[in-house]
Amino acid sequence: MKTGIHPENYRPVVFKDMSNDDTFITRSTINAKETIEIGGVTYPLVKIEISNTSHPFYTGKQKLVDTAGRVDKFMSRYGNRNKK
């Protein structure tokens, strides 16, 4: 392995899933602007939109998308533009 190419500032960081408020602590070098206190210890906080606790692949729950409704809505708005 090459020396001097890996960052030296690994520290515990809290990642918070904003869709279900789940948090987990891991080591990272990411810069965080916010902090959070967990168990009397203050950690840098990084907010994320999706994690393994909210992603449909891991949870087994999928959101159904109404594609037929979208097509009907599109056709009602833009479908008759060429007809005069």
PDB file of N, CA and C in Angstrom:
ATOM      1  N   MET A   1       0.827  -1.176   0.000  1.00  0.00           N
ATOM      2  CA  MET A   1       0.000   0.000   0.000  1.00  0.00           C
ATOM      3  C   MET A   1       0.874   1.244   0.000  1.00  0.00           C
ATOM      4  N   LYS A   2       0.420   2.270  -0.691  1.00  0.00           N
ATOM      5  CA  LYS A   2       1.156   3.525  -0.718  1.00  0.00           C
ATOM      6  C   LYS A   2       0.974   4.255   0.607  1.00  0.00           C
ATOM      7  N   THR A   3       2.010   4.910   1.036  1.00  0.00           N
ATOM      8  CA  THR A   3       1.920   5.674   2.276  1.00  0.00           C
ATOM      9  C   THR A   3       1.557   7.117   1.958  1.00  0.00           C
ATOM     10  N   GLY A   4       0.823   7.737   2.862  1.00  0.00           N
ATOM     11  CA  GLY A   4       0.491   9.148   2.736  1.00  0.00           C
ATOM     12  C   GLY A   4      -0.681   9.471   1.827  1.00  0.00           C
ATOM     13  N   ILE A   5      -1.420   8.469   1.334  1.00  0.00           N
ATOM     14  CA  ILE A   5      -2.548   8.775   0.449  1.00  0.00           C
ATOM     15  C   ILE A   5      -3.896   8.652   1.152  1.00  0.00           C
ATOM     16  N   HIS A   6      -3.918   8.080   2.351  1.00  0.00           N
ATOM     17  CA  HIS A   6      -5.170   7.897   3.077  1.00  0.00           C
ATOM     18  C   HIS A   6      -5.367   9.035   4.069  1.00  0.00           C
ATOM     19  N   PRO A   7      -6.607   9.516   4.224  1.00  0.00           N
ATOM     20  CA  PRO A   7      -6.852  10.609   5.176  1.00  0.00           C
ATOM     21  C   PRO A   7      -6.601  10.155   6.613  1.00  0.00           C
ATOM     22  N   GLU A   8      -6.186  11.091   7.423  1.00  0.00           N
ATOM     23  CA  GLU A   8      -5.853  10.791   8.813  1.00  0.00           C
ATOM     24  C   GLU A   8      -6.949  11.208   9.787  1.00  0.00           C
ATOM     25  N   ASN A   9      -7.959  11.949   9.308  1.00  0.00           N
ATOM     26  CA  ASN A   9      -8.939  12.533  10.226  1.00  0.00           C
ATOM     27  C   ASN A   9     -10.229  11.716  10.342  1.00  0.00           C
ATOM     28  N   TYR A  10     -10.130  10.403  10.436  1.00  0.00           N
ATOM     29  CA  TYR A  10     -11.314   9.578  10.687  1.00  0.00           C
ATOM     30  C   TYR A  10     -11.795   9.828  12.104  1.00  0.00           C
ATOM     31  N   ARG A  11     -13.123   9.986  12.257  1.00  0.00           N
ATOM     32  CA  ARG A  11     -13.718  10.218  13.557  1.00  0.00           C
ATOM     33  C   ARG A  11     -15.154   9.690  13.522  1.00  0.00           C
ATOM     34  N   PRO A  12     -15.765   9.457  14.673  1.00  0.00           N
ATOM     35  CA  PRO A  12     -17.166   9.025  14.681  1.00  0.00           C
ATOM     36  C   PRO A  12     -18.079  10.148  14.182  1.00  0.00           C
ATOM     37  N   VAL A  13     -18.993   9.805  13.291  1.00  0.00           N
ATOM     38  CA  VAL A  13     -19.945  10.751  12.708  1.00  0.00           C
ATOM     39  C   VAL A  13     -21.324  10.105  12.750  1.00  0.00           C
ATOM     40  N   VAL A  14     -22.355  10.903  13.048  1.00  0.00           N
ATOM     41  CA  VAL A  14     -23.736  10.415  13.060  1.00  0.00           C
ATOM     42  C   VAL A  14     -24.369  10.728  11.712  1.00  0.00           C
ATOM     43  N   PHE A  15     -24.946   9.719  11.083  1.00  0.00           N
ATOM     44  CA  PHE A  15     -25.717   9.887   9.861  1.00  0.00           C
ATOM     45  C   PHE A  15     -27.181   9.717  10.229  1.00  0.00           C
ATOM     46  N   LYS A  16     -28.025  10.676   9.808  1.00  0.00           N
ATOM     47  CA  LYS A  16     -29.448  10.645  10.151  1.00  0.00           C
ATOM     48  C   LYS A  16     -30.273  10.552   8.879  1.00  0.00           C
ATOM     49  N   ASP A  17     -31.094   9.518   8.793  1.00  0.00           N
ATOM     50  CA  ASP A  17     -32.009   9.329   7.671  1.00  0.00           C
ATOM     51  C   ASP A  17     -33.210  10.232   7.905  1.00  0.00           C
ATOM     52  N   MET A  18     -33.421  11.201   7.029  1.00  0.00           N
ATOM     53  CA  MET A  18     -34.471  12.197   7.229  1.00  0.00           C
ATOM     54  C   MET A  18     -35.870  11.652   6.935  1.00  0.00           C
ATOM     55  N   SER A  19     -35.977  10.538   6.237  1.00  0.00           N
ATOM     56  CA  SER A  19     -37.298  10.013   5.920  1.00  0.00           C
ATOM     57  C   SER A  19     -37.917   9.246   7.087  1.00  0.00           C
ATOM     58  N   ASN A  20     -37.087   8.678   7.976  1.00  0.00           N
ATOM     59  CA  ASN A  20     -37.653   7.951   9.112  1.00  0.00           C
ATOM     60  C   ASN A  20     -36.941   8.261  10.436  1.00  0.00           C
ATOM     61  N   ASP A  21     -36.081   9.270  10.457  1.00  0.00           N
ATOM     62  CA  ASP A  21     -35.369   9.729  11.657  1.00  0.00           C
ATOM     63  C   ASP A  21     -34.498   8.656  12.297  1.00  0.00           C
ATOM     64  N   ASP A  22     -34.046   7.682  11.543  1.00  0.00           N
ATOM     65  CA  ASP A  22     -33.132   6.674  12.045  1.00  0.00           C
ATOM     66  C   ASP A  22     -31.720   7.249  12.028  1.00  0.00           C
ATOM     67  N   THR A  23     -30.935   6.981  13.068  1.00  0.00           N
ATOM     68  CA  THR A  23     -29.559   7.462  13.135  1.00  0.00           C
ATOM     69  C   THR A  23     -28.616   6.293  13.332  1.00  0.00           C
ATOM     70  N   PHE A  24     -27.412   6.435  12.810  1.00  0.00           N
ATOM     71  CA  PHE A  24     -26.366   5.456  13.069  1.00  0.00           C
ATOM     72  C   PHE A  24     -25.022   6.169  13.100  1.00  0.00           C
ATOM     73  N   ILE A  25     -24.111   5.614  13.889  1.00  0.00           N
ATOM     74  CA  ILE A  25     -22.792   6.202  14.069  1.00  0.00           C
ATOM     75  C   ILE A  25     -21.779   5.329  13.354  1.00  0.00           C
ATOM     76  N   THR A  26     -20.933   5.978  12.575  1.00  0.00           N
ATOM     77  CA  THR A  26     -19.856   5.280  11.893  1.00  0.00           C
ATOM     78  C   THR A  26     -18.664   6.213  11.795  1.00  0.00           C
ATOM     79  N   ARG A  27     -17.527   5.678  11.422  1.00  0.00           N
ATOM     80  CA  ARG A  27     -16.341   6.513  11.268  1.00  0.00           C
ATOM     81  C   ARG A  27     -16.304   7.078   9.852  1.00  0.00           C
ATOM     82  N   SER A  28     -15.970   8.363   9.751  1.00  0.00           N
ATOM     83  CA  SER A  28     -15.951   9.024   8.459  1.00  0.00           C
ATOM     84  C   SER A  28     -15.023  10.231   8.506  1.00  0.00           C
ATOM     85  N   THR A  29     -14.694  10.743   7.318  1.00  0.00           N
ATOM     86  CA  THR A  29     -13.897  11.969   7.208  1.00  0.00           C
ATOM     87  C   THR A  29     -14.736  13.118   6.668  1.00  0.00           C
ATOM     88  N   ILE A  30     -16.033  12.914   6.489  1.00  0.00           N
ATOM     89  CA  ILE A  30     -16.908  13.919   5.887  1.00  0.00           C
ATOM     90  C   ILE A  30     -16.990  15.159   6.781  1.00  0.00           C
ATOM     91  N   ASN A  31     -17.040  16.320   6.152  1.00  0.00           N
ATOM     92  CA  ASN A  31     -17.205  17.571   6.891  1.00  0.00           C
ATOM     93  C   ASN A  31     -18.684  17.790   7.173  1.00  0.00           C
ATOM     94  N   ALA A  32     -19.011  18.095   8.416  1.00  0.00           N
ATOM     95  CA  ALA A  32     -20.401  18.311   8.813  1.00  0.00           C
ATOM     96  C   ALA A  32     -20.538  19.693   9.434  1.00  0.00           C
ATOM     97  N   LYS A  33     -21.649  20.362   9.116  1.00  0.00           N
ATOM     98  CA  LYS A  33     -21.908  21.697   9.654  1.00  0.00           C
ATOM     99  C   LYS A  33     -22.707  21.657  10.947  1.00  0.00           C
ATOM    100  N   GLU A  34     -23.425  20.566  11.177  1.00  0.00           N
ATOM    101  CA  GLU A  34     -24.276  20.458  12.358  1.00  0.00           C
ATOM    102  C   GLU A  34     -23.710  19.411  13.306  1.00  0.00           C
ATOM    103  N   THR A  35     -24.157  19.469  14.567  1.00  0.00           N
ATOM    104  CA  THR A  35     -23.763  18.471  15.555  1.00  0.00           C
ATOM    105  C   THR A  35     -25.011  17.937  16.246  1.00  0.00           C
ATOM    106  N   ILE A  36     -24.863  16.782  16.877  1.00  0.00           N
ATOM    107  CA  ILE A  36     -25.945  16.160  17.628  1.00  0.00           C
ATOM    108  C   ILE A  36     -25.337  15.503  18.857  1.00  0.00           C
ATOM    109  N   GLU A  37     -26.113  15.478  19.942  1.00  0.00           N
ATOM    110  CA  GLU A  37     -25.639  14.843  21.168  1.00  0.00           C
ATOM    111  C   GLU A  37     -26.369  13.524  21.366  1.00  0.00           C
ATOM    112  N   ILE A  38     -25.600  12.460  21.476  1.00  0.00           N
ATOM    113  CA  ILE A  38     -26.148  11.119  21.702  1.00  0.00           C
ATOM    114  C   ILE A  38     -25.395  10.501  22.869  1.00  0.00           C
ATOM    115  N   GLY A  39     -26.113  10.141  23.900  1.00  0.00           N
ATOM    116  CA  GLY A  39     -25.499   9.515  25.063  1.00  0.00           C
ATOM    117  C   GLY A  39     -24.501  10.415  25.775  1.00  0.00           C
ATOM    118  N   GLY A  40     -24.720  11.724  25.733  1.00  0.00           N
ATOM    119  CA  GLY A  40     -23.827  12.657  26.401  1.00  0.00           C
ATOM    120  C   GLY A  40     -22.584  13.021  25.609  1.00  0.00           C
ATOM    121  N   VAL A  41     -22.461  12.488  24.397  1.00  0.00           N
ATOM    122  CA  VAL A  41     -21.311  12.775  23.540  1.00  0.00           C
ATOM    123  C   VAL A  41     -21.804  13.552  22.324  1.00  0.00           C
ATOM    124  N   THR A  42     -21.081  14.597  21.942  1.00  0.00           N
ATOM    125  CA  THR A  42     -21.442  15.404  20.783  1.00  0.00           C
ATOM    126  C   THR A  42     -20.708  14.892  19.560  1.00  0.00           C
ATOM    127  N   TYR A  43     -21.469  14.620  18.497  1.00  0.00           N
ATOM    128  CA  TYR A  43     -20.927  14.106  17.246  1.00  0.00           C
ATOM    129  C   TYR A  43     -21.275  15.053  16.099  1.00  0.00           C
ATOM    130  N   PRO A  44     -20.471  15.077  15.033  1.00  0.00           N
ATOM    131  CA  PRO A  44     -20.886  15.778  13.807  1.00  0.00           C
ATOM    132  C   PRO A  44     -22.097  15.056  13.213  1.00  0.00           C
ATOM    133  N   LEU A  45     -23.041  15.819  12.633  1.00  0.00           N
ATOM    134  CA  LEU A  45     -24.272  15.247  12.085  1.00  0.00           C
ATOM    135  C   LEU A  45     -24.321  15.466  10.585  1.00  0.00           C
ATOM    136  N   VAL A  46     -24.586  14.376   9.846  1.00  0.00           N
ATOM    137  CA  VAL A  46     -24.780  14.438   8.405  1.00  0.00           C
ATOM    138  C   VAL A  46     -26.182  13.912   8.122  1.00  0.00           C
ATOM    139  N   LYS A  47     -27.003  14.739   7.462  1.00  0.00           N
ATOM    140  CA  LYS A  47     -28.373  14.344   7.135  1.00  0.00           C
ATOM    141  C   LYS A  47     -28.395  13.734   5.740  1.00  0.00           C
ATOM    142  N   ILE A  48     -29.041  12.563   5.629  1.00  0.00           N
ATOM    143  CA  ILE A  48     -29.154  11.870   4.349  1.00  0.00           C
ATOM    144  C   ILE A  48     -30.625  11.637   4.041  1.00  0.00           C
ATOM    145  N   GLU A  49     -30.947  11.531   2.767  1.00  0.00           N
ATOM    146  CA  GLU A  49     -32.341  11.359   2.343  1.00  0.00           C
ATOM    147  C   GLU A  49     -32.807   9.913   2.433  1.00  0.00           C
ATOM    148  N   ILE A  50     -31.904   8.969   2.212  1.00  0.00           N
ATOM    149  CA  ILE A  50     -32.310   7.565   2.188  1.00  0.00           C
ATOM    150  C   ILE A  50     -31.156   6.708   2.698  1.00  0.00           C
ATOM    151  N   SER A  51     -31.502   5.664   3.429  1.00  0.00           N
ATOM    152  CA  SER A  51     -30.499   4.731   3.936  1.00  0.00           C
ATOM    153  C   SER A  51     -31.064   3.316   3.834  1.00  0.00           C
ATOM    154  N   ASN A  52     -30.345   2.368   4.395  1.00  0.00           N
ATOM    155  CA  ASN A  52     -30.821   0.990   4.318  1.00  0.00           C
ATOM    156  C   ASN A  52     -32.097   0.768   5.125  1.00  0.00           C
ATOM    157  N   THR A  53     -32.414   1.670   6.052  1.00  0.00           N
ATOM    158  CA  THR A  53     -33.645   1.506   6.841  1.00  0.00           C
ATOM    159  C   THR A  53     -34.872   2.083   6.152  1.00  0.00           C
ATOM    160  N   SER A  54     -34.678   2.814   5.054  1.00  0.00           N
ATOM    161  CA  SER A  54     -35.831   3.372   4.356  1.00  0.00           C
ATOM    162  C   SER A  54     -35.855   3.038   2.868  1.00  0.00           C
ATOM    163  N   HIS A  55     -34.808   2.436   2.340  1.00  0.00           N
ATOM    164  CA  HIS A  55     -34.765   2.104   0.911  1.00  0.00           C
ATOM    165  C   HIS A  55     -35.661   0.897   0.624  1.00  0.00           C
ATOM    166  N   PRO A  56     -36.477   0.963  -0.428  1.00  0.00           N
ATOM    167  CA  PRO A  56     -37.402  -0.141  -0.729  1.00  0.00           C
ATOM    168  C   PRO A  56     -36.713  -1.486  -0.956  1.00  0.00           C
ATOM    169  N   PHE A  57     -35.502  -1.500  -1.447  1.00  0.00           N
ATOM    170  CA  PHE A  57     -34.801  -2.764  -1.678  1.00  0.00           C
ATOM    171  C   PHE A  57     -34.563  -3.504  -0.363  1.00  0.00           C
ATOM    172  N   TYR A  58     -34.195  -2.765   0.686  1.00  0.00           N
ATOM    173  CA  TYR A  58     -33.890  -3.386   1.976  1.00  0.00           C
ATOM    174  C   TYR A  58     -35.126  -3.596   2.831  1.00  0.00           C
ATOM    175  N   THR A  59     -36.133  -2.743   2.694  1.00  0.00           N
ATOM    176  CA  THR A  59     -37.321  -2.860   3.537  1.00  0.00           C
ATOM    177  C   THR A  59     -38.364  -3.803   2.951  1.00  0.00           C
ATOM    178  N   GLY A  60     -38.325  -4.018   1.645  1.00  0.00           N
ATOM    179  CA  GLY A  60     -39.310  -4.874   1.000  1.00  0.00           C
ATOM    180  C   GLY A  60     -40.608  -4.166   0.706  1.00  0.00           C
ATOM    181  N   LYS A  61     -40.700  -2.893   1.021  1.00  0.00           N
ATOM    182  CA  LYS A  61     -41.905  -2.117   0.769  1.00  0.00           C
ATOM    183  C   LYS A  61     -41.639  -1.199  -0.412  1.00  0.00           C
ATOM    184  N   GLN A  62     -42.488  -1.275  -1.413  1.00  0.00           N
ATOM    185  CA  GLN A  62     -42.319  -0.431  -2.583  1.00  0.00           C
ATOM    186  C   GLN A  62     -43.455   0.561  -2.667  1.00  0.00           C
ATOM    187  N   LYS A  63     -43.142   1.736  -3.160  1.00  0.00           N
ATOM    188  CA  LYS A  63     -44.166   2.739  -3.399  1.00  0.00           C
ATOM    189  C   LYS A  63     -44.704   2.539  -4.803  1.00  0.00           C
ATOM    190  N   LEU A  64     -46.005   2.413  -4.919  1.00  0.00           N
ATOM    191  CA  LEU A  64     -46.610   2.236  -6.224  1.00  0.00           C
ATOM    192  C   LEU A  64     -46.768   3.579  -6.909  1.00  0.00           C
ATOM    193  N   VAL A  65     -46.389   3.635  -8.164  1.00  0.00           N
ATOM    194  CA  VAL A  65     -46.493   4.857  -8.938  1.00  0.00           C
ATOM    195  C   VAL A  65     -47.666   4.704  -9.898  1.00  0.00           C
ATOM    196  N   ASP A  66     -48.555   5.661  -9.895  1.00  0.00           N
ATOM    197  CA  ASP A  66     -49.738   5.626 -10.739  1.00  0.00           C
ATOM    198  C   ASP A  66     -49.371   6.156 -12.127  1.00  0.00           C
ATOM    199  N   THR A  67     -48.824   5.283 -12.973  1.00  0.00           N
ATOM    200  CA  THR A  67     -48.390   5.720 -14.303  1.00  0.00           C
ATOM    201  C   THR A  67     -49.579   5.993 -15.207  1.00  0.00           C
ATOM    202  N   ALA A  68     -50.654   5.246 -15.055  1.00  0.00           N
ATOM    203  CA  ALA A  68     -51.828   5.477 -15.906  1.00  0.00           C
ATOM    204  C   ALA A  68     -52.418   6.848 -15.615  1.00  0.00           C
ATOM    205  N   GLY A  69     -52.464   7.227 -14.371  1.00  0.00           N
ATOM    206  CA  GLY A  69     -52.962   8.547 -14.009  1.00  0.00           C
ATOM    207  C   GLY A  69     -52.079   9.649 -14.556  1.00  0.00           C
ATOM    208  N   ARG A  70     -50.784   9.413 -14.599  1.00  0.00           N
ATOM    209  CA  ARG A  70     -49.853  10.398 -15.139  1.00  0.00           C
ATOM    210  C   ARG A  70     -50.055  10.571 -16.636  1.00  0.00           C
ATOM    211  N   VAL A  71     -50.268   9.457 -17.333  1.00  0.00           N
ATOM    212  CA  VAL A  71     -50.480   9.527 -18.782  1.00  0.00           C
ATOM    213  C   VAL A  71     -51.776  10.269 -19.083  1.00  0.00           C
ATOM    214  N   ASP A  72     -52.838   9.958 -18.356  1.00  0.00           N
ATOM    215  CA  ASP A  72     -54.114  10.647 -18.557  1.00  0.00           C
ATOM    216  C   ASP A  72     -53.986  12.139 -18.278  1.00  0.00           C
ATOM    217  N   LYS A  73     -53.263  12.482 -17.244  1.00  0.00           N
ATOM    218  CA  LYS A  73     -53.067  13.884 -16.907  1.00  0.00           C
ATOM    219  C   LYS A  73     -52.290  14.598 -18.015  1.00  0.00           C
ATOM    220  N   PHE A  74     -51.244  13.935 -18.539  1.00  0.00           N
ATOM    221  CA  PHE A  74     -50.467  14.512 -19.629  1.00  0.00           C
ATOM    222  C   PHE A  74     -51.332  14.712 -20.872  1.00  0.00           C
ATOM    223  N   MET A  75     -52.104  13.692 -21.220  1.00  0.00           N
ATOM    224  CA  MET A  75     -52.941  13.773 -22.422  1.00  0.00           C
ATOM    225  C   MET A  75     -54.011  14.852 -22.273  1.00  0.00           C
ATOM    226  N   SER A  76     -54.552  15.018 -21.078  1.00  0.00           N
ATOM    227  CA  SER A  76     -55.563  16.057 -20.900  1.00  0.00           C
ATOM    228  C   SER A  76     -54.940  17.448 -21.016  1.00  0.00           C
ATOM    229  N   ARG A  77     -53.698  17.588 -20.644  1.00  0.00           N
ATOM    230  CA  ARG A  77     -53.045  18.890 -20.748  1.00  0.00           C
ATOM    231  C   ARG A  77     -52.505  19.161 -22.156  1.00  0.00           C
ATOM    232  N   TYR A  78     -51.773  18.180 -22.702  1.00  0.00           N
ATOM    233  CA  TYR A  78     -51.010  18.440 -23.927  1.00  0.00           C
ATOM    234  C   TYR A  78     -51.422  17.581 -25.122  1.00  0.00           C
ATOM    235  N   GLY A  79     -52.317  16.656 -24.948  1.00  0.00           N
ATOM    236  CA  GLY A  79     -52.678  15.712 -26.002  1.00  0.00           C
ATOM    237  C   GLY A  79     -53.410  16.327 -27.156  1.00  0.00           C
ATOM    238  N   ASN A  80     -54.187  17.360 -26.954  1.00  0.00           N
ATOM    239  CA  ASN A  80     -55.025  17.937 -27.997  1.00  0.00           C
ATOM    240  C   ASN A  80     -54.450  19.245 -28.564  1.00  0.00           C
ATOM    241  N   ARG A  81     -53.184  19.451 -28.455  1.00  0.00           N
ATOM    242  CA  ARG A  81     -52.583  20.701 -28.932  1.00  0.00           C
ATOM    243  C   ARG A  81     -52.573  20.800 -30.448  1.00  0.00           C
ATOM    244  N   ASN A  82     -52.359  19.709 -31.146  1.00  0.00           N
ATOM    245  CA  ASN A  82     -52.281  19.747 -32.613  1.00  0.00           C
ATOM    246  C   ASN A  82     -53.651  19.736 -33.268  1.00  0.00           C
ATOM    247  N   LYS A  83     -54.688  19.363 -32.542  1.00  0.00           N
ATOM    248  CA  LYS A  83     -56.032  19.315 -33.096  1.00  0.00           C
ATOM    249  C   LYS A  83     -56.690  20.672 -32.966  1.00  0.00           C
ATOM    250  N   LYS A  84     -57.128  21.256 -34.083  1.00  0.00           N
ATOM    251  CA  LYS A  84     -57.810  22.558 -34.055  1.00  0.00           C
ATOM    252  C   LYS A  84     -59.000  22.564 -34.952  1.00  0.00           C
TER     253      LYS A  84
END
